[in-house]
Amino acid sequence: YEYQRTTPDELLRNIDDLQRVRDVYWDLPPRN
């Protein structure tokens, strides 16, 4: 159902959000 509701623009926004999260946390050391 979520796949059917997701538009191409929403998919691009989700990818952009994931990219920003990765850029922020990429260099942080993992917690135990």
All heavy atoms as atom14 arrays in JSON, in Angstrom:
{
  "sequence": "YEYQRTTPDELLRNIDDLQRVRDVYWDLPPRN",
  "atom14_mask": [
    [1, 1, 1, 1, 1, 1, 1, 1, 1, 1, 1, 1, 0, 0],
    [1, 1, 1, 1, 1, 1, 1, 1, 1, 0, 0, 0, 0, 0],
    [1, 1, 1, 1, 1, 1, 1, 1, 1, 1, 1, 1, 0, 0],
    [1, 1, 1, 1, 1, 1, 1, 1, 1, 0, 0, 0, 0, 0],
    [1, 1, 1, 1, 1, 1, 1, 1, 1, 1, 1, 0, 0, 0],
    [1, 1, 1, 1, 1, 1, 1, 0, 0, 0, 0, 0, 0, 0],
    [1, 1, 1, 1, 1, 1, 1, 0, 0, 0, 0, 0, 0, 0],
    [1, 1, 1, 1, 1, 1, 1, 0, 0, 0, 0, 0, 0, 0],
    [1, 1, 1, 1, 1, 1, 1, 1, 0, 0, 0, 0, 0, 0],
    [1, 1, 1, 1, 1, 1, 1, 1, 1, 0, 0, 0, 0, 0],
    [1, 1, 1, 1, 1, 1, 1, 1, 0, 0, 0, 0, 0, 0],
    [1, 1, 1, 1, 1, 1, 1, 1, 0, 0, 0, 0, 0, 0],
    [1, 1, 1, 1, 1, 1, 1, 1, 1, 1, 1, 0, 0, 0],
    [1, 1, 1, 1, 1, 1, 1, 1, 0, 0, 0, 0, 0, 0],
    [1, 1, 1, 1, 1, 1, 1, 1, 0, 0, 0, 0, 0, 0],
    [1, 1, 1, 1, 1, 1, 1, 1, 0, 0, 0, 0, 0, 0],
    [1, 1, 1, 1, 1, 1, 1, 1, 0, 0, 0, 0, 0, 0],
    [1, 1, 1, 1, 1, 1, 1, 1, 0, 0, 0, 0, 0, 0],
    [1, 1, 1, 1, 1, 1, 1, 1, 1, 0, 0, 0, 0, 0],
    [1, 1, 1, 1, 1, 1, 1, 1, 1, 1, 1, 0, 0, 0],
    [1, 1, 1, 1, 1, 1, 1, 0, 0, 0, 0, 0, 0, 0],
    [1, 1, 1, 1, 1, 1, 1, 1, 1, 1, 1, 0, 0, 0],
    [1, 1, 1, 1, 1, 1, 1, 1, 0, 0, 0, 0, 0, 0],
    [1, 1, 1, 1, 1, 1, 1, 0, 0, 0, 0, 0, 0, 0],
    [1, 1, 1, 1, 1, 1, 1, 1, 1, 1, 1, 1, 0, 0],
    [1, 1, 1, 1, 1, 1, 1, 1, 1, 1, 1, 1, 1, 1],
    [1, 1, 1, 1, 1, 1, 1, 1, 0, 0, 0, 0, 0, 0],
    [1, 1, 1, 1, 1, 1, 1, 1, 0, 0, 0, 0, 0, 0],
    [1, 1, 1, 1, 1, 1, 1, 0, 0, 0, 0, 0, 0, 0],
    [1, 1, 1, 1, 1, 1, 1, 0, 0, 0, 0, 0, 0, 0],
    [1, 1, 1, 1, 1, 1, 1, 1, 1, 1, 1, 0, 0, 0],
    [1, 1, 1, 1, 1, 1, 1, 1, 0, 0, 0, 0, 0, 0]
  ],
  "atom14_positions": [
    [[0.83, -1.21, 0.0], [0.0, 0.0, 0.0], [0.86, 1.25, 0.0], [0.59, 2.22, -0.71], [-0.91, -0.03, 1.22], [-1.78, 1.2, 1.38], [-2.86, 1.42, 0.51], [-1.53, 2.13, 2.38], [-3.67, 2.53, 0.65], [-2.34, 3.25, 2.52], [-3.41, 3.45, 1.66], [-4.19, 4.56, 1.8], [0.0, 0.0, 0.0], [0.0, 0.0, 0.0]],
    [[1.94, 1.21, 0.79], [2.84, 2.37, 0.84], [3.54, 2.56, -0.5], [3.74, 3.69, -0.95], [3.86, 2.18, 1.96], [3.23, 2.27, 3.36], [4.2, 1.91, 4.46], [5.35, 1.51, 4.13], [3.83, 2.03, 5.63], [0.0, 0.0, 0.0], [0.0, 0.0, 0.0], [0.0, 0.0, 0.0], [0.0, 0.0, 0.0], [0.0, 0.0, 0.0]],
    [[3.92, 1.47, -1.17], [4.54, 1.59, -2.49], [3.59, 2.26, -3.47], [3.98, 3.12, -4.27], [4.91, 0.2, -3.04], [6.02, -0.5, -2.3], [6.17, -1.88, -2.41], [6.91, 0.2, -1.49], [7.18, -2.54, -1.73], [7.91, -0.46, -0.81], [8.04, -1.83, -0.93], [9.04, -2.48, -0.26], [0.0, 0.0, 0.0], [0.0, 0.0, 0.0]],
    [[2.32, 1.85, -3.43], [1.34, 2.39, -4.36], [1.09, 3.87, -4.13], [0.82, 4.62, -5.06], [0.03, 1.61, -4.24], [0.13, 0.17, -4.74], [-1.09, -0.64, -4.39], [-2.02, -0.15, -3.73], [-1.11, -1.89, -4.81], [0.0, 0.0, 0.0], [0.0, 0.0, 0.0], [0.0, 0.0, 0.0], [0.0, 0.0, 0.0], [0.0, 0.0, 0.0]],
    [[1.19, 4.31, -2.88], [0.91, 5.7, -2.54], [2.1, 6.62, -2.78], [1.96, 7.84, -2.83], [0.5, 5.81, -1.07], [-0.83, 5.17, -0.73], [-1.17, 5.41, 0.72], [-1.27, 6.84, 1.0], [-0.9, 7.41, 2.15], [-0.37, 6.69, 3.1], [-1.05, 8.71, 2.34], [0.0, 0.0, 0.0], [0.0, 0.0, 0.0], [0.0, 0.0, 0.0]],
    [[3.3, 6.05, -2.89], [4.51, 6.86, -3.02], [4.68, 7.33, -4.46], [4.75, 6.52, -5.39], [5.75, 6.05, -2.59], [5.56, 5.61, -1.25], [6.99, 6.91, -2.65], [0.0, 0.0, 0.0], [0.0, 0.0, 0.0], [0.0, 0.0, 0.0], [0.0, 0.0, 0.0], [0.0, 0.0, 0.0], [0.0, 0.0, 0.0], [0.0, 0.0, 0.0]],
    [[4.75, 8.63, -4.65], [4.97, 9.2, -5.98], [6.46, 9.27, -6.26], [7.29, 9.21, -5.34], [4.37, 10.61, -6.06], [5.11, 11.47, -5.18], [2.91, 10.6, -5.65], [0.0, 0.0, 0.0], [0.0, 0.0, 0.0], [0.0, 0.0, 0.0], [0.0, 0.0, 0.0], [0.0, 0.0, 0.0], [0.0, 0.0, 0.0], [0.0, 0.0, 0.0]],
    [[6.86, 9.43, -7.53], [8.29, 9.57, -7.84], [8.93, 10.74, -7.1], [10.09, 10.63, -6.65], [8.29, 9.81, -9.37], [7.05, 9.12, -9.84], [6.04, 9.31, -8.75], [0.0, 0.0, 0.0], [0.0, 0.0, 0.0], [0.0, 0.0, 0.0], [0.0, 0.0, 0.0], [0.0, 0.0, 0.0], [0.0, 0.0, 0.0], [0.0, 0.0, 0.0]],
    [[8.22, 11.86, -6.94], [8.78, 13.0, -6.2], [9.04, 12.64, -4.75], [10.06, 13.03, -4.16], [7.84, 14.2, -6.28], [7.84, 14.84, -7.67], [8.78, 14.57, -8.43], [6.9, 15.59, -7.96], [0.0, 0.0, 0.0], [0.0, 0.0, 0.0], [0.0, 0.0, 0.0], [0.0, 0.0, 0.0], [0.0, 0.0, 0.0], [0.0, 0.0, 0.0]],
    [[8.11, 11.87, -4.15], [8.29, 11.45, -2.76], [9.48, 10.52, -2.62], [10.24, 10.58, -1.65], [7.02, 10.78, -2.25], [5.87, 11.75, -2.02], [4.58, 11.02, -1.67], [4.41, 9.87, -2.11], [3.76, 11.61, -0.96], [0.0, 0.0, 0.0], [0.0, 0.0, 0.0], [0.0, 0.0, 0.0], [0.0, 0.0, 0.0], [0.0, 0.0, 0.0]],
    [[9.66, 9.64, -3.62], [10.82, 8.75, -3.57], [12.11, 9.54, -3.61], [13.06, 9.25, -2.88], [10.76, 7.77, -4.76], [9.75, 6.64, -4.67], [9.7, 5.89, -5.99], [10.1, 5.7, -3.53], [0.0, 0.0, 0.0], [0.0, 0.0, 0.0], [0.0, 0.0, 0.0], [0.0, 0.0, 0.0], [0.0, 0.0, 0.0], [0.0, 0.0, 0.0]],
    [[12.17, 10.57, -4.46], [13.37, 11.4, -4.55], [13.61, 12.13, -3.23], [14.75, 12.26, -2.77], [13.24, 12.39, -5.7], [13.3, 11.78, -7.1], [13.02, 12.85, -8.15], [14.67, 11.15, -7.35], [0.0, 0.0, 0.0], [0.0, 0.0, 0.0], [0.0, 0.0, 0.0], [0.0, 0.0, 0.0], [0.0, 0.0, 0.0], [0.0, 0.0, 0.0]],
    [[12.53, 12.64, -2.6], [12.69, 13.32, -1.32], [13.2, 12.36, -0.26], [14.04, 12.72, 0.56], [11.35, 13.93, -0.88], [10.98, 15.21, -1.63], [9.91, 15.98, -0.89], [8.66, 15.23, -0.78], [7.7, 15.27, -1.71], [7.85, 16.0, -2.81], [6.59, 14.58, -1.55], [0.0, 0.0, 0.0], [0.0, 0.0, 0.0], [0.0, 0.0, 0.0]],
    [[12.7, 11.1, -0.27], [13.17, 10.11, 0.7], [14.65, 9.83, 0.51], [15.42, 9.7, 1.47], [12.37, 8.81, 0.57], [10.94, 8.97, 1.03], [10.62, 9.88, 1.8], [10.07, 8.08, 0.57], [0.0, 0.0, 0.0], [0.0, 0.0, 0.0], [0.0, 0.0, 0.0], [0.0, 0.0, 0.0], [0.0, 0.0, 0.0], [0.0, 0.0, 0.0]],
    [[15.07, 9.74, -0.75], [16.49, 9.5, -1.03], [17.34, 10.67, -0.55], [18.4, 10.49, 0.05], [16.69, 9.26, -2.54], [16.03, 7.93, -2.94], [18.18, 9.25, -2.89], [15.98, 7.71, -4.44], [0.0, 0.0, 0.0], [0.0, 0.0, 0.0], [0.0, 0.0, 0.0], [0.0, 0.0, 0.0], [0.0, 0.0, 0.0], [0.0, 0.0, 0.0]],
    [[16.84, 11.91, -0.78], [17.57, 13.09, -0.32], [17.67, 13.11, 1.2], [18.72, 13.45, 1.77], [16.86, 14.37, -0.8], [17.02, 14.57, -2.31], [17.94, 13.96, -2.89], [16.22, 15.33, -2.88], [0.0, 0.0, 0.0], [0.0, 0.0, 0.0], [0.0, 0.0, 0.0], [0.0, 0.0, 0.0], [0.0, 0.0, 0.0], [0.0, 0.0, 0.0]],
    [[16.58, 12.73, 1.89], [16.6, 12.7, 3.36], [17.63, 11.69, 3.86], [18.38, 11.96, 4.8], [15.21, 12.34, 3.9], [14.2, 13.48, 3.7], [14.65, 14.63, 3.48], [12.99, 13.2, 3.76], [0.0, 0.0, 0.0], [0.0, 0.0, 0.0], [0.0, 0.0, 0.0], [0.0, 0.0, 0.0], [0.0, 0.0, 0.0], [0.0, 0.0, 0.0]],
    [[17.65, 10.5, 3.23], [18.62, 9.49, 3.65], [20.04, 9.96, 3.41], [20.95, 9.7, 4.21], [18.36, 8.19, 2.88], [17.08, 7.42, 3.27], [16.85, 6.26, 2.3], [17.17, 6.91, 4.69], [0.0, 0.0, 0.0], [0.0, 0.0, 0.0], [0.0, 0.0, 0.0], [0.0, 0.0, 0.0], [0.0, 0.0, 0.0], [0.0, 0.0, 0.0]],
    [[20.26, 10.67, 2.3], [21.59, 11.19, 2.0], [22.03, 12.19, 3.06], [23.18, 12.18, 3.51], [21.59, 11.85, 0.62], [22.96, 12.38, 0.2], [23.96, 11.27, -0.03], [23.62, 10.26, -0.63], [25.18, 11.43, 0.45], [0.0, 0.0, 0.0], [0.0, 0.0, 0.0], [0.0, 0.0, 0.0], [0.0, 0.0, 0.0], [0.0, 0.0, 0.0]],
    [[21.12, 13.07, 3.49], [21.47, 14.05, 4.51], [21.79, 13.39, 5.84], [22.73, 13.76, 6.54], [20.32, 15.05, 4.68], [20.23, 16.09, 3.57], [19.31, 17.23, 3.95], [17.93, 16.79, 4.03], [17.1, 16.8, 2.97], [17.53, 17.21, 1.79], [15.85, 16.41, 3.09], [0.0, 0.0, 0.0], [0.0, 0.0, 0.0], [0.0, 0.0, 0.0]],
    [[21.0, 12.36, 6.2], [21.27, 11.63, 7.45], [22.63, 10.97, 7.38], [23.42, 11.01, 8.32], [20.16, 10.59, 7.71], [20.55, 9.68, 8.87], [18.84, 11.3, 8.03], [0.0, 0.0, 0.0], [0.0, 0.0, 0.0], [0.0, 0.0, 0.0], [0.0, 0.0, 0.0], [0.0, 0.0, 0.0], [0.0, 0.0, 0.0], [0.0, 0.0, 0.0]],
    [[22.92, 10.36, 6.24], [24.22, 9.7, 6.1], [25.36, 10.7, 6.2], [26.37, 10.45, 6.84], [24.29, 8.97, 4.75], [25.46, 7.99, 4.67], [25.75, 7.59, 3.25], [26.34, 8.7, 2.52], [26.88, 8.59, 1.31], [26.87, 7.43, 0.69], [27.41, 9.63, 0.71], [0.0, 0.0, 0.0], [0.0, 0.0, 0.0], [0.0, 0.0, 0.0]],
    [[25.19, 11.87, 5.56], [26.25, 12.89, 5.59], [26.51, 13.38, 7.02], [27.64, 13.66, 7.4], [25.86, 14.08, 4.71], [25.87, 13.72, 3.23], [26.48, 12.68, 2.88], [25.27, 14.47, 2.44], [0.0, 0.0, 0.0], [0.0, 0.0, 0.0], [0.0, 0.0, 0.0], [0.0, 0.0, 0.0], [0.0, 0.0, 0.0], [0.0, 0.0, 0.0]],
    [[25.45, 13.46, 7.83], [25.6, 13.96, 9.21], [26.28, 12.92, 10.09], [27.16, 13.24, 10.9], [24.22, 14.33, 9.79], [24.33, 14.62, 11.29], [23.67, 15.55, 9.06], [0.0, 0.0, 0.0], [0.0, 0.0, 0.0], [0.0, 0.0, 0.0], [0.0, 0.0, 0.0], [0.0, 0.0, 0.0], [0.0, 0.0, 0.0], [0.0, 0.0, 0.0]],
    [[25.87, 11.64, 9.95], [26.31, 10.62, 10.9], [27.43, 9.72, 10.37], [27.93, 8.87, 11.11], [25.12, 9.74, 11.29], [24.11, 10.48, 12.13], [22.9, 10.91, 11.57], [24.36, 10.76, 13.46], [21.97, 11.59, 12.33], [23.44, 11.44, 14.23], [22.25, 11.86, 13.66], [21.33, 12.53, 14.41], [0.0, 0.0, 0.0], [0.0, 0.0, 0.0]],
    [[27.81, 9.91, 9.13], [28.78, 8.98, 8.52], [30.08, 8.89, 9.33], [30.63, 7.82, 9.51], [29.07, 9.44, 7.1], [29.93, 8.49, 6.32], [31.26, 8.55, 6.13], [29.48, 7.32, 5.63], [31.68, 7.51, 5.36], [30.61, 6.73, 5.04], [28.24, 6.71, 5.45], [30.52, 5.56, 4.29], [28.17, 5.56, 4.7], [29.3, 5.0, 4.14]],
    [[30.57, 10.0, 9.82], [31.87, 10.01, 10.48], [31.8, 9.81, 11.98], [32.83, 9.83, 12.66], [32.59, 11.35, 10.2], [32.93, 11.51, 8.73], [33.21, 10.47, 8.09], [32.88, 12.64, 8.22], [0.0, 0.0, 0.0], [0.0, 0.0, 0.0], [0.0, 0.0, 0.0], [0.0, 0.0, 0.0], [0.0, 0.0, 0.0], [0.0, 0.0, 0.0]],
    [[30.59, 9.66, 12.55], [30.49, 9.44, 13.98], [30.83, 8.0, 14.33], [30.42, 7.08, 13.63], [29.07, 9.75, 14.46], [28.62, 11.22, 14.36], [27.19, 11.35, 14.86], [29.54, 12.12, 15.16], [0.0, 0.0, 0.0], [0.0, 0.0, 0.0], [0.0, 0.0, 0.0], [0.0, 0.0, 0.0], [0.0, 0.0, 0.0], [0.0, 0.0, 0.0]],
    [[31.6, 7.77, 15.42], [31.91, 6.4, 15.8], [30.65, 5.7, 16.3], [29.78, 6.32, 16.91], [32.92, 6.58, 16.95], [32.63, 7.93, 17.5], [32.18, 8.77, 16.34], [0.0, 0.0, 0.0], [0.0, 0.0, 0.0], [0.0, 0.0, 0.0], [0.0, 0.0, 0.0], [0.0, 0.0, 0.0], [0.0, 0.0, 0.0], [0.0, 0.0, 0.0]],
    [[30.52, 4.4, 16.05], [29.33, 3.68, 16.52], [29.31, 3.56, 18.02], [30.36, 3.45, 18.67], [29.48, 2.3, 15.85], [30.95, 2.15, 15.62], [31.47, 3.54, 15.33], [0.0, 0.0, 0.0], [0.0, 0.0, 0.0], [0.0, 0.0, 0.0], [0.0, 0.0, 0.0], [0.0, 0.0, 0.0], [0.0, 0.0, 0.0], [0.0, 0.0, 0.0]],
    [[28.12, 3.61, 18.62], [27.97, 3.38, 20.04], [28.02, 1.89, 20.32], [27.81, 1.07, 19.44], [26.65, 3.97, 20.53], [26.58, 5.49, 20.4], [25.21, 5.98, 20.81], [24.2, 5.45, 19.89], [22.89, 5.61, 20.06], [22.44, 6.27, 21.11], [22.04, 5.12, 19.2], [0.0, 0.0, 0.0], [0.0, 0.0, 0.0], [0.0, 0.0, 0.0]],
    [[28.27, 1.53, 21.59], [28.31, 0.13, 21.96], [26.98, -0.53, 21.63], [25.92, -0.02, 21.98], [28.58, -0.01, 23.46], [30.0, 0.4, 23.82], [30.88, 0.37, 22.96], [30.22, 0.79, 25.05], [0.0, 0.0, 0.0], [0.0, 0.0, 0.0], [0.0, 0.0, 0.0], [0.0, 0.0, 0.0], [0.0, 0.0, 0.0], [0.0, 0.0, 0.0]]
  ]
}
